[in-house]
Amino acid sequence: MEQTSSRRGNTKVTTIINPLQDFHSSKSKYLLALHSCSESFGIAIKDIKNPENIIISEVFNIGRSLSNKLFSCIENILPRKFWKQIIRISVAKGPGSFTSTRLTISMARTLAQQMNCSLDSLSTFHLMAKRLYEDLDQSQIKNPFWIKDFLPRRGFVAGKYKLIKIHQESNYHEFTEIIPPKLIINEKEINPSIKASNNIEKDIISLIDFSQYCQNSKINSHWRKTLPIYPTSPIDNK
């Protein structure tokens, strides 16, 4: 079996090509994280009953075939017979690929409803904040900043963020989303700003860290509140 491991704080992150059969058991209680806002589909699971504090993650480069491979990708990392042991789900809600984001959110909402568990969600820009804020000047790191992405013929999509706290015990970087991603006509309005960049391998870990934080904090996140962020409607021609 081919796998790679790394140590992040007190958590061991294992990226796998084939599922770790020994990791799964009838006593496990899983956190499940899903990120499909680009052409890659990221999945992470964590068994909160596992004393080794391991996160297993995998990124599938499946392009536009997510609708046909969504279930099989999840089963590759967490076989379906263990799905009833999922106690919390988290999902990236965009901005990103309109179809892929909606597909994954729809599935996450359905699973959370059927299993009566919390569904956490963050925007893709919010997830990027942990990686990107260190690109700011030291004098700006503790101040609000923007993450932006340029859309041809549309302008900029940008969200505003601020670092609140780094939780040392879990390495969870807590940011507040002051302004969710939205269309910005005048780039001068968003300063200081950092260009958005996808790194699903890292952002899926940040997403499950967020879910672990919510679990530890006993936060109840109802599935009805999770909706996709898509700043430009696919049918809006204005």
Protein backbone atom coordinates (compact mmCIF):
# COMPACT_ATOMS: atom_id res chain seq x y z
CA MET A 1 0.00 0.00 0.00
CA GLU A 2 1.40 3.37 -0.99
CA GLN A 3 1.02 6.27 1.42
CA THR A 4 2.83 9.34 2.70
CA SER A 5 2.71 10.79 6.18
CA SER A 6 3.61 14.10 7.74
CA ARG A 7 3.36 15.58 11.20
CA ARG A 8 1.37 18.81 11.68
CA GLY A 9 1.32 19.94 15.30
CA ASN A 10 -0.06 16.99 17.27
CA THR A 11 -1.78 15.52 14.23
CA LYS A 12 -0.40 12.97 11.80
CA VAL A 13 -1.65 13.59 8.26
CA THR A 14 -1.64 10.55 6.00
CA THR A 15 -2.20 10.98 2.25
CA ILE A 16 -3.15 7.67 0.68
CA ILE A 17 -3.53 6.05 -2.73
CA ASN A 18 -5.41 3.03 -1.37
CA PRO A 19 -7.57 3.06 1.78
CA LEU A 20 -6.02 2.07 5.11
CA GLN A 21 -8.09 -0.98 5.95
CA ASP A 22 -6.70 -1.19 9.48
CA PHE A 23 -7.79 2.38 10.16
CA HIS A 24 -11.50 1.54 9.94
CA SER A 25 -13.39 -0.20 12.74
CA SER A 26 -16.92 -0.58 14.03
CA LYS A 27 -16.03 1.68 16.98
CA SER A 28 -14.78 4.59 14.87
CA LYS A 29 -16.49 7.99 14.86
CA TYR A 30 -15.63 9.91 11.72
CA LEU A 31 -15.33 13.51 10.66
CA LEU A 32 -15.70 13.81 6.87
CA ALA A 33 -14.51 16.83 4.84
CA LEU A 34 -15.28 17.45 1.14
CA HIS A 35 -13.82 20.06 -1.23
CA SER A 36 -14.82 20.13 -4.90
CA CYS A 37 -14.61 23.82 -5.82
CA SER A 38 -11.93 23.23 -8.45
CA GLU A 39 -11.39 20.40 -10.96
CA SER A 40 -9.86 18.35 -8.13
CA PHE A 41 -11.99 16.63 -5.49
CA GLY A 42 -10.46 16.60 -2.02
CA ILE A 43 -11.63 14.27 0.74
CA ALA A 44 -10.39 13.94 4.32
CA ILE A 45 -11.51 11.77 7.20
CA LYS A 46 -10.55 11.68 10.84
CA ASP A 47 -11.53 9.11 13.43
CA ILE A 48 -11.91 11.06 16.66
CA LYS A 49 -11.72 7.78 18.60
CA ASN A 50 -8.28 7.00 17.18
CA PRO A 51 -5.64 7.89 19.80
CA GLU A 52 -3.00 8.53 17.12
CA ASN A 53 -4.97 11.57 15.93
CA ILE A 54 -4.57 10.65 12.23
CA ILE A 55 -6.14 12.50 9.31
CA ILE A 56 -6.42 10.53 6.08
CA SER A 57 -6.79 12.63 2.93
CA GLU A 58 -6.80 12.13 -0.81
CA VAL A 59 -7.22 14.40 -3.84
CA PHE A 60 -8.83 13.01 -7.00
CA ASN A 61 -8.06 14.84 -10.24
CA ILE A 62 -11.32 13.94 -11.96
CA GLY A 63 -12.17 17.15 -13.81
CA ARG A 64 -15.80 17.32 -14.89
CA SER A 65 -16.63 13.69 -14.12
CA LEU A 66 -17.49 14.35 -10.46
CA SER A 67 -21.18 13.56 -10.98
CA ASN A 68 -20.25 10.01 -12.02
CA LYS A 69 -17.47 9.47 -9.49
CA LEU A 70 -18.58 11.34 -6.36
CA PHE A 71 -19.70 8.25 -4.43
CA SER A 72 -16.87 6.02 -5.60
CA CYS A 73 -14.23 8.59 -4.59
CA ILE A 74 -15.63 8.79 -1.06
CA GLU A 75 -15.89 5.00 -0.86
CA ASN A 76 -12.23 4.76 -1.87
CA ILE A 77 -11.25 6.51 1.34
CA LEU A 78 -14.22 5.53 3.55
CA PRO A 79 -16.17 2.40 2.50
CA ARG A 80 -19.94 2.87 2.52
CA LYS A 81 -20.52 0.40 5.37
CA PHE A 82 -18.81 2.92 7.69
CA TRP A 83 -20.84 5.95 6.60
CA LYS A 84 -23.33 5.47 9.43
CA GLN A 85 -20.43 6.22 11.79
CA ILE A 86 -19.92 9.73 10.40
CA ILE A 87 -20.77 12.16 13.18
CA ARG A 88 -19.88 15.45 11.48
CA ILE A 89 -19.38 16.67 7.90
CA SER A 90 -17.67 19.76 6.53
CA VAL A 91 -17.74 21.13 3.00
CA ALA A 92 -16.17 23.94 0.97
CA LYS A 93 -18.99 26.10 -0.39
CA GLY A 94 -17.25 28.17 -3.09
CA PRO A 95 -16.62 30.31 -4.97
CA GLY A 96 -15.42 27.83 -7.54
CA SER A 97 -16.82 25.43 -10.10
CA PHE A 98 -20.58 25.99 -10.08
CA THR A 99 -21.62 22.42 -10.89
CA SER A 100 -19.04 20.60 -8.75
CA THR A 101 -19.66 22.81 -5.72
CA ARG A 102 -23.42 22.32 -5.90
CA LEU A 103 -23.08 18.55 -6.34
CA THR A 104 -20.92 18.12 -3.26
CA ILE A 105 -22.99 20.48 -1.12
CA SER A 106 -26.17 18.64 -2.13
CA MET A 107 -24.63 15.34 -1.11
CA ALA A 108 -23.26 16.75 2.16
CA ARG A 109 -26.67 18.23 3.04
CA THR A 110 -28.40 14.93 2.29
CA LEU A 111 -25.96 12.89 4.38
CA ALA A 112 -26.15 15.35 7.28
CA GLN A 113 -29.95 15.30 7.16
CA GLN A 114 -30.19 11.51 7.01
CA MET A 115 -27.65 10.98 9.80
CA ASN A 116 -28.84 13.93 11.86
CA CYS A 117 -25.32 15.33 12.20
CA SER A 118 -23.81 18.81 11.95
CA LEU A 119 -22.68 20.19 8.60
CA ASP A 120 -19.91 22.78 8.80
CA SER A 121 -18.94 24.94 5.82
CA LEU A 122 -16.37 27.54 4.86
CA SER A 123 -15.78 29.48 1.67
CA THR A 124 -12.79 28.47 -0.42
CA PHE A 125 -11.21 31.88 0.24
CA HIS A 126 -11.70 31.41 3.99
CA LEU A 127 -9.84 28.10 3.74
CA MET A 128 -7.03 29.75 1.77
CA ALA A 129 -6.53 32.40 4.45
CA LYS A 130 -4.30 30.17 6.58
CA ARG A 131 -1.92 29.61 3.67
CA LEU A 132 -1.94 33.09 2.20
CA TYR A 133 -1.91 35.53 5.11
CA GLU A 134 1.81 34.99 5.69
CA ASP A 135 2.46 36.64 2.31
CA LEU A 136 1.44 39.95 3.86
CA ASP A 137 3.96 42.40 5.24
CA GLN A 138 4.61 41.76 8.92
CA SER A 139 3.06 45.11 9.74
CA GLN A 140 -0.22 43.97 8.11
CA ILE A 141 -0.52 40.41 9.38
CA LYS A 142 -2.78 41.28 12.32
CA ASN A 143 -4.99 43.56 10.23
CA PRO A 144 -7.88 42.69 7.88
CA PHE A 145 -6.90 41.72 4.33
CA TRP A 146 -8.59 40.66 1.11
CA ILE A 147 -8.25 37.51 -0.96
CA LYS A 148 -9.12 38.13 -4.60
CA ASP A 149 -9.52 36.31 -7.89
CA PHE A 150 -9.99 37.85 -11.34
CA LEU A 151 -12.83 36.72 -13.59
CA PRO A 152 -12.55 37.72 -17.26
CA ARG A 153 -15.35 40.08 -18.33
CA ARG A 154 -16.63 40.19 -14.77
CA GLY A 155 -14.04 41.82 -12.59
CA PHE A 156 -12.73 40.69 -9.23
CA VAL A 157 -14.28 38.31 -6.72
CA ALA A 158 -12.92 39.07 -3.26
CA GLY A 159 -13.53 38.34 0.42
CA LYS A 160 -12.17 40.09 3.51
CA TYR A 161 -10.50 38.21 6.39
CA LYS A 162 -8.74 38.71 9.71
CA LEU A 163 -6.69 36.33 11.87
CA ILE A 164 -8.36 35.95 15.26
CA LYS A 165 -6.34 33.27 17.04
CA ILE A 166 -4.00 30.34 16.46
CA HIS A 167 -5.09 27.39 18.58
CA GLN A 168 -1.75 25.84 19.44
CA GLU A 169 -3.11 22.49 20.63
CA SER A 170 -4.67 21.73 17.24
CA ASN A 171 -2.78 24.13 14.94
CA TYR A 172 -6.19 25.50 13.91
CA HIS A 173 -5.91 29.06 12.58
CA GLU A 174 -9.11 30.89 13.38
CA PHE A 175 -10.02 33.60 10.88
CA THR A 176 -13.15 35.66 10.70
CA GLU A 177 -14.76 36.25 7.30
CA ILE A 178 -15.58 39.94 7.54
CA ILE A 179 -16.99 40.07 4.00
CA PRO A 180 -17.86 36.83 2.13
CA PRO A 181 -16.57 36.54 -1.45
CA LYS A 182 -18.46 38.89 -3.76
CA LEU A 183 -18.00 40.77 -7.03
CA ILE A 184 -15.82 43.88 -6.74
CA ILE A 185 -15.93 46.39 -9.57
CA ASN A 186 -13.13 48.66 -8.41
CA GLU A 187 -9.90 46.85 -7.48
CA LYS A 188 -8.76 49.87 -5.46
CA GLU A 189 -11.43 48.99 -2.89
CA ILE A 190 -9.61 45.81 -1.87
CA ASN A 191 -6.31 46.66 -0.22
CA PRO A 192 -4.20 44.98 1.03
CA SER A 193 -5.06 41.96 -1.06
CA ILE A 194 -3.59 38.55 -1.92
CA LYS A 195 -4.28 36.59 -5.09
CA ALA A 196 -6.32 33.45 -4.53
CA SER A 197 -4.59 30.14 -5.27
CA ASN A 198 -5.85 26.57 -5.02
CA ASN A 199 -4.05 23.96 -2.96
CA ILE A 200 -6.66 21.31 -2.28
CA GLU A 201 -4.16 19.05 -0.48
CA LYS A 202 -3.65 21.68 2.23
CA ASP A 203 -7.10 23.24 2.22
CA ILE A 204 -8.91 19.95 2.80
CA ILE A 205 -6.82 19.55 5.97
CA SER A 206 -7.74 23.08 7.07
CA LEU A 207 -11.39 22.18 6.48
CA ILE A 208 -11.32 19.09 8.68
CA ASP A 209 -9.35 21.04 11.32
CA PHE A 210 -12.24 23.52 11.34
CA SER A 211 -14.72 20.68 11.76
CA GLN A 212 -12.68 19.27 14.65
CA TYR A 213 -12.68 22.73 16.26
CA CYS A 214 -16.48 22.92 15.91
CA GLN A 215 -16.82 19.41 17.36
CA ASN A 216 -14.62 20.25 20.35
CA SER A 217 -16.53 23.49 20.87
CA LYS A 218 -19.88 21.62 20.70
CA ILE A 219 -21.11 23.87 17.89
CA ASN A 220 -24.31 22.66 16.24
CA SER A 221 -24.24 23.50 12.51
CA HIS A 222 -27.57 22.75 10.82
CA TRP A 223 -27.40 21.43 7.27
CA ARG A 224 -30.07 23.90 6.06
CA LYS A 225 -27.66 26.81 6.56
CA THR A 226 -25.06 25.50 4.08
CA LEU A 227 -25.58 26.95 0.61
CA PRO A 228 -23.12 27.39 -2.27
CA ILE A 229 -21.39 30.72 -2.79
CA TYR A 230 -21.44 31.71 -6.43
CA PRO A 231 -20.92 35.47 -6.86
CA THR A 232 -21.95 35.40 -10.54
CA SER A 233 -25.10 33.57 -11.53
CA PRO A 234 -24.64 31.31 -14.58
CA ILE A 235 -27.87 32.74 -16.06
CA ASP A 236 -27.20 36.39 -15.24
CA ASN A 237 -26.20 38.21 -18.44
CA LYS A 238 -26.27 41.71 -17.07
